[in-house]
Amino acid sequence: MSLRTERAADRRRGGRLVPYVFAGPAALLFLAFSLIPIVIAIGLSFQDTASLGDGEWIGGGNFASMTSDPLIGTALMNTLVFTVGTVPTSMAIGLALAIALNRPLPGRSVFRALFFVPMVAAGVVVGVIMSWIFNGDYGVANNLLEALGLGRLPWLTAPGWAMATLVIVVVWTRIGFCMVIYLGALQSIPSELKEAAAIDGASRWARFRTISWPMLRPTTSILLILNVVFSLQAFDVIYVMTGGGPGFSTTVLIQYVFRSAFVDARMGYAAALGLVLVAILLVFTLLRQRANRKAEEML
């Protein structure tokens, strides 16, 4: 083999290694912080243990205990209420803002940035600030209500109001994300279609209903899945603002996982609860993908 042929072979071998060099760090991070913890959690879910060490093997005992745990139903119902309250609302407001900011308005870029800022803020910071705003004694919200001649509200101290307040805060942090995604989708719609419909005499609502909305369905499906996942994983804002209270009125499933692991010292039971949460996410994602495929076949 000539020297030139050997060099060419070395370059080809080096080229084959390049993708692995770039993908290697990401693969190691996934292995260390995702795959290995999942395997450990599966093992813990079959044990009765209060720590990450060796525990007593009890098989499906943790999963059987869920059937007699009264707080499971409360956590699941709170999770459902929280998800239903945050997902459609944030998507609807985000779509409305995207439509409004998709037009040539003065200061449009500033408004886009202002609406998106809450999304990039840390959840703990948002929770602390909102706890001050909605404080029942000295909060800005109640002071504003009193200035308007209205009475104070138990934002974080009454069960119903506490959940409603969390929904308001989380929606406020999400609308910017939904707005940006919808805005990008709206700008990708060919303007010729809308112009042709306008020439034919179609109103703005008719153009949105017959042109924009059908073309926004894939984006809406993706946003729906992402927002449901965000809601099922929402922890920091709830933990800072209410801690799952008053009582268990705002204890969602992920909050109950944390409580079982680090308050009740039932690490195995918490791991089993975490697997249930993962199963719920997987089932929802698969159902949504199936619905998307059916919708695409009908088009």
Protein backbone atom coordinates (compact mmCIF):
# COMPACT_ATOMS: atom_id res chain seq x y z
CA MET A 1 0.00 0.00 0.00
CA SER A 2 1.41 3.38 -0.98
CA LEU A 3 1.90 6.25 1.43
CA ARG A 4 -0.88 8.27 -0.27
CA THR A 5 -3.33 5.37 0.07
CA GLU A 6 -2.46 4.95 3.76
CA ARG A 7 -3.04 8.65 4.41
CA ALA A 8 -6.40 8.53 2.64
CA ALA A 9 -7.40 5.52 4.74
CA ASP A 10 -6.38 7.34 7.92
CA ARG A 11 -8.45 10.36 6.93
CA ARG A 12 -11.48 8.14 6.31
CA ARG A 13 -11.06 6.45 9.69
CA GLY A 14 -10.68 9.85 11.34
CA GLY A 15 -13.80 11.10 9.57
CA ARG A 16 -15.78 8.16 10.92
CA LEU A 17 -14.73 9.04 14.46
CA VAL A 18 -15.76 12.70 14.27
CA PRO A 19 -19.50 12.10 14.90
CA TYR A 20 -18.71 9.98 17.95
CA VAL A 21 -16.38 12.66 19.31
CA PHE A 22 -19.12 15.29 19.11
CA ALA A 23 -21.91 12.98 20.33
CA GLY A 24 -19.81 11.46 23.11
CA PRO A 25 -20.19 14.20 25.76
CA ALA A 26 -23.96 14.40 25.23
CA ALA A 27 -24.23 10.61 25.43
CA LEU A 28 -22.23 10.56 28.67
CA LEU A 29 -24.45 13.25 30.19
CA PHE A 30 -27.58 11.34 29.16
CA LEU A 31 -26.14 8.16 30.64
CA ALA A 32 -25.14 9.81 33.92
CA PHE A 33 -28.18 12.00 34.54
CA SER A 34 -31.02 10.17 32.76
CA LEU A 35 -30.49 6.50 32.02
CA ILE A 36 -28.67 5.46 35.21
CA PRO A 37 -31.09 7.34 37.53
CA ILE A 38 -34.04 5.68 35.74
CA VAL A 39 -32.50 2.24 36.30
CA ILE A 40 -31.84 3.09 39.96
CA ALA A 41 -35.43 4.34 40.37
CA ILE A 42 -36.82 1.11 38.92
CA GLY A 43 -34.74 -0.88 41.40
CA LEU A 44 -35.81 1.31 44.34
CA SER A 45 -39.49 0.97 43.42
CA PHE A 46 -39.34 -2.70 44.43
CA GLN A 47 -37.70 -2.02 47.78
CA ASP A 48 -38.71 -0.68 51.17
CA THR A 49 -35.95 1.80 51.87
CA ALA A 50 -35.56 5.25 53.40
CA SER A 51 -32.35 6.10 51.53
CA LEU A 52 -30.46 5.31 48.35
CA GLY A 53 -28.71 2.39 50.03
CA ASP A 54 -29.77 -1.24 50.19
CA GLY A 55 -33.33 -1.79 51.32
CA GLU A 56 -35.68 -4.69 51.89
CA TRP A 57 -36.96 -6.27 48.69
CA ILE A 58 -40.78 -6.23 48.73
CA GLY A 59 -41.58 -6.85 45.08
CA GLY A 60 -44.70 -4.96 44.03
CA GLY A 61 -45.50 -3.89 47.57
CA ASN A 62 -45.04 -0.19 46.85
CA PHE A 63 -47.37 -0.34 43.88
CA ALA A 64 -49.93 -2.30 45.92
CA SER A 65 -49.76 0.37 48.66
CA MET A 66 -50.94 2.99 46.17
CA THR A 67 -54.36 1.37 45.95
CA SER A 68 -54.99 2.10 49.64
CA ASP A 69 -53.26 5.49 49.80
CA PRO A 70 -55.94 8.22 50.06
CA LEU A 71 -53.49 10.93 49.05
CA ILE A 72 -52.90 9.34 45.63
CA GLY A 73 -56.41 10.27 44.52
CA THR A 74 -55.98 13.80 45.89
CA ALA A 75 -52.64 14.25 44.13
CA LEU A 76 -53.99 12.91 40.84
CA MET A 77 -57.07 15.15 41.01
CA ASN A 78 -54.95 18.20 41.84
CA THR A 79 -52.65 17.33 38.93
CA LEU A 80 -55.63 17.08 36.59
CA VAL A 81 -57.09 20.39 37.77
CA PHE A 82 -53.71 22.12 37.51
CA THR A 83 -53.04 20.74 34.03
CA VAL A 84 -56.51 21.57 32.70
CA GLY A 85 -56.23 25.05 34.17
CA THR A 86 -52.79 25.87 32.78
CA VAL A 87 -52.50 24.15 29.40
CA PRO A 88 -55.51 25.43 27.40
CA THR A 89 -55.33 28.88 28.97
CA SER A 90 -51.66 29.47 28.23
CA MET A 91 -52.04 28.15 24.68
CA ALA A 92 -55.12 30.29 23.96
CA ILE A 93 -53.55 33.48 25.33
CA GLY A 94 -50.27 32.70 23.57
CA LEU A 95 -52.10 32.26 20.26
CA ALA A 96 -54.01 35.53 20.74
CA LEU A 97 -50.79 37.40 21.48
CA ALA A 98 -49.06 35.81 18.49
CA ILE A 99 -51.86 36.93 16.19
CA ALA A 100 -51.74 40.45 17.63
CA LEU A 101 -47.94 40.74 17.41
CA ASN A 102 -47.79 39.24 13.93
CA ARG A 103 -48.97 42.57 12.56
CA PRO A 104 -46.79 45.65 11.99
CA LEU A 105 -47.16 47.43 15.34
CA PRO A 106 -44.92 50.08 16.94
CA GLY A 107 -42.68 48.53 19.57
CA ARG A 108 -43.57 45.00 18.49
CA SER A 109 -40.13 43.59 19.34
CA VAL A 110 -40.27 45.10 22.82
CA PHE A 111 -43.65 43.52 23.51
CA ARG A 112 -42.41 40.14 22.30
CA ALA A 113 -39.43 40.32 24.64
CA LEU A 114 -41.55 41.44 27.61
CA PHE A 115 -43.98 38.56 27.20
CA PHE A 116 -41.14 36.04 26.88
CA VAL A 117 -39.12 37.21 29.91
CA PRO A 118 -41.15 35.20 32.49
CA MET A 119 -40.32 32.00 30.61
CA VAL A 120 -36.58 32.42 31.07
CA ALA A 121 -36.84 33.43 34.73
CA ALA A 122 -35.99 30.74 37.28
CA GLY A 123 -39.03 29.06 38.80
CA VAL A 124 -37.78 29.64 42.33
CA VAL A 125 -37.38 33.36 41.65
CA VAL A 126 -40.87 33.54 40.16
CA GLY A 127 -42.28 31.66 43.15
CA VAL A 128 -40.65 33.99 45.67
CA ILE A 129 -41.77 37.16 43.89
CA MET A 130 -45.31 35.88 43.42
CA SER A 131 -45.46 34.84 47.07
CA TRP A 132 -44.82 38.47 48.00
CA ILE A 133 -47.35 39.77 45.48
CA PHE A 134 -50.12 37.40 46.61
CA ASN A 135 -49.33 37.53 50.33
CA GLY A 136 -52.58 37.89 52.27
CA ASP A 137 -51.26 40.52 54.70
CA TYR A 138 -48.98 42.85 52.75
CA GLY A 139 -49.18 41.60 49.17
CA VAL A 140 -49.49 43.96 46.23
CA ALA A 141 -52.53 42.10 44.91
CA ASN A 142 -54.62 42.67 48.03
CA ASN A 143 -53.41 46.26 48.39
CA LEU A 144 -54.55 46.91 44.83
CA LEU A 145 -57.94 45.33 45.54
CA GLU A 146 -58.37 47.52 48.61
CA ALA A 147 -57.42 50.61 46.62
CA LEU A 148 -60.21 49.72 44.18
CA GLY A 149 -62.69 49.38 47.03
CA LEU A 150 -62.74 45.57 46.95
CA GLY A 151 -62.05 43.15 49.76
CA ARG A 152 -58.93 41.12 50.38
CA LEU A 153 -58.69 37.61 48.99
CA PRO A 154 -57.04 34.55 50.61
CA TRP A 155 -54.81 33.95 47.60
CA LEU A 156 -52.52 31.35 49.19
CA THR A 157 -54.37 30.40 52.38
CA ALA A 158 -57.67 29.01 51.07
CA PRO A 159 -57.66 25.69 49.15
CA GLY A 160 -59.60 26.87 46.09
CA TRP A 161 -57.84 30.22 45.84
CA ALA A 162 -54.40 28.64 46.29
CA MET A 163 -54.84 26.40 43.25
CA ALA A 164 -56.30 29.27 41.21
CA THR A 165 -53.33 31.48 42.15
CA LEU A 166 -50.85 28.81 41.06
CA VAL A 167 -52.66 28.46 37.74
CA ILE A 168 -52.49 32.24 37.21
CA VAL A 169 -48.76 32.34 37.95
CA VAL A 170 -47.88 29.35 35.77
CA VAL A 171 -50.00 30.64 32.87
CA TRP A 172 -48.17 33.97 33.16
CA THR A 173 -44.83 32.17 32.81
CA ARG A 174 -45.99 30.03 29.86
CA ILE A 175 -47.76 32.44 27.54
CA GLY A 176 -44.48 33.84 26.22
CA PHE A 177 -43.28 30.40 25.15
CA CYS A 178 -46.59 29.60 23.43
CA MET A 179 -46.59 33.04 21.80
CA VAL A 180 -43.12 32.60 20.29
CA ILE A 181 -43.89 29.13 18.91
CA TYR A 182 -47.21 30.24 17.44
CA LEU A 183 -45.61 33.39 16.05
CA GLY A 184 -43.03 31.36 14.18
CA ALA A 185 -45.76 29.10 12.80
CA LEU A 186 -47.89 32.06 11.70
CA GLN A 187 -44.98 33.65 9.87
CA SER A 188 -44.37 30.41 7.97
CA ILE A 189 -47.88 30.47 6.43
CA PRO A 190 -47.67 31.68 2.82
CA SER A 191 -49.07 35.18 2.59
CA GLU A 192 -50.40 34.43 -0.91
CA LEU A 193 -53.11 32.22 0.57
CA LYS A 194 -54.41 34.95 2.84
CA GLU A 195 -54.21 37.56 0.09
CA ALA A 196 -56.17 35.34 -2.29
CA ALA A 197 -58.83 34.73 0.37
CA ALA A 198 -59.04 38.46 1.10
CA ILE A 199 -59.54 39.19 -2.59
CA ASP A 200 -62.40 36.67 -2.60
CA GLY A 201 -64.03 38.63 0.20
CA ALA A 202 -63.19 36.39 3.16
CA SER A 203 -63.22 38.10 6.55
CA ARG A 204 -60.30 37.95 8.99
CA TRP A 205 -62.08 35.29 11.03
CA ALA A 206 -62.83 33.26 7.90
CA ARG A 207 -59.18 33.50 6.81
CA PHE A 208 -58.02 32.36 10.25
CA ARG A 209 -60.55 29.52 10.43
CA THR A 210 -59.96 28.14 6.94
CA ILE A 211 -56.28 28.90 6.36
CA SER A 212 -54.31 29.73 9.50
CA TRP A 213 -55.85 27.31 11.99
CA PRO A 214 -55.55 24.15 9.82
CA MET A 215 -51.90 24.99 9.19
CA LEU A 216 -51.35 25.58 12.91
CA ARG A 217 -52.58 22.13 13.93
CA PRO A 218 -49.13 20.46 13.96
CA THR A 219 -47.78 23.33 16.07
CA THR A 220 -50.76 23.09 18.40
CA SER A 221 -50.21 19.36 18.85
CA ILE A 222 -46.57 19.86 19.73
CA LEU A 223 -47.40 22.69 22.14
CA LEU A 224 -50.11 20.58 23.75
CA ILE A 225 -47.67 17.77 24.48
CA LEU A 226 -44.97 20.14 25.74
CA ASN A 227 -47.35 22.07 27.99
CA VAL A 228 -48.85 18.91 29.48
CA VAL A 229 -45.35 17.63 30.22
CA PHE A 230 -44.45 21.01 31.76
CA SER A 231 -47.58 20.93 33.94
CA LEU A 232 -47.01 17.37 35.09
CA GLN A 233 -43.43 18.29 36.02
CA ALA A 234 -44.22 21.67 37.61
CA PHE A 235 -42.59 21.62 41.03
CA ASP A 236 -40.51 24.68 41.91
CA VAL A 237 -43.27 27.31 41.76
CA ILE A 238 -45.69 25.12 43.73
CA TYR A 239 -43.07 24.22 46.31
CA VAL A 240 -42.04 27.83 46.92
CA MET A 241 -45.52 29.38 46.92
CA THR A 242 -47.65 26.81 48.77
CA GLY A 243 -45.53 23.76 49.57
CA GLY A 244 -48.50 21.66 48.50
CA GLY A 245 -50.86 23.32 50.98
CA PRO A 246 -53.00 24.53 52.55
CA GLY A 247 -53.51 20.97 53.64
CA PHE A 248 -53.01 18.94 50.48
CA SER A 249 -55.09 21.21 48.24
CA THR A 250 -52.20 21.99 45.88
CA THR A 251 -50.23 18.76 46.25
CA VAL A 252 -49.77 17.51 42.69
CA LEU A 253 -48.26 14.14 41.88
CA ILE A 254 -44.66 15.30 41.54
CA GLN A 255 -45.03 17.22 44.81
CA TYR A 256 -46.24 14.01 46.47
CA VAL A 257 -43.21 12.18 45.09
CA PHE A 258 -40.94 14.73 46.76
CA ARG A 259 -42.89 14.54 50.02
CA SER A 260 -42.76 10.74 50.09
CA ALA A 261 -39.01 10.70 49.48
CA PHE A 262 -37.67 13.55 51.62
CA VAL A 263 -40.37 14.22 54.21
CA ASP A 264 -41.85 10.79 54.88
CA ALA A 265 -38.49 9.04 54.16
CA ARG A 266 -40.11 6.46 51.85
CA MET A 267 -37.64 6.45 49.00
CA GLY A 268 -38.91 3.21 47.49
CA TYR A 269 -42.51 4.39 47.50
CA ALA A 270 -41.44 7.71 45.97
CA ALA A 271 -39.62 5.85 43.19
CA ALA A 272 -42.78 3.86 42.47
CA LEU A 273 -44.79 7.09 42.33
CA GLY A 274 -42.23 8.57 39.95
CA LEU A 275 -42.60 5.59 37.62
CA VAL A 276 -46.37 6.10 37.64
CA LEU A 277 -45.82 9.72 36.62
CA VAL A 278 -43.51 8.61 33.80
CA ALA A 279 -46.10 6.08 32.65
CA ILE A 280 -48.76 8.81 32.53
CA LEU A 281 -46.48 10.97 30.40
CA LEU A 282 -45.73 8.11 28.03
CA VAL A 283 -49.39 7.14 27.64
CA PHE A 284 -50.41 10.72 26.91
CA THR A 285 -47.61 11.17 24.38
CA LEU A 286 -48.49 7.93 22.56
CA LEU A 287 -52.19 8.80 22.44
CA ARG A 288 -51.41 12.24 21.11
CA GLN A 289 -49.12 10.85 18.42
CA ARG A 290 -51.80 8.37 17.40
CA ALA A 291 -54.35 11.17 17.15
CA ASN A 292 -51.93 13.22 15.05
CA ARG A 293 -51.42 10.35 12.61
CA LYS A 294 -55.17 9.91 12.23
CA ALA A 295 -55.61 13.63 11.63
CA GLU A 296 -52.87 13.61 8.97
CA GLU A 297 -54.51 10.62 7.23
CA MET A 298 -57.81 12.51 7.08
CA LEU A 299 -56.22 15.54 5.42
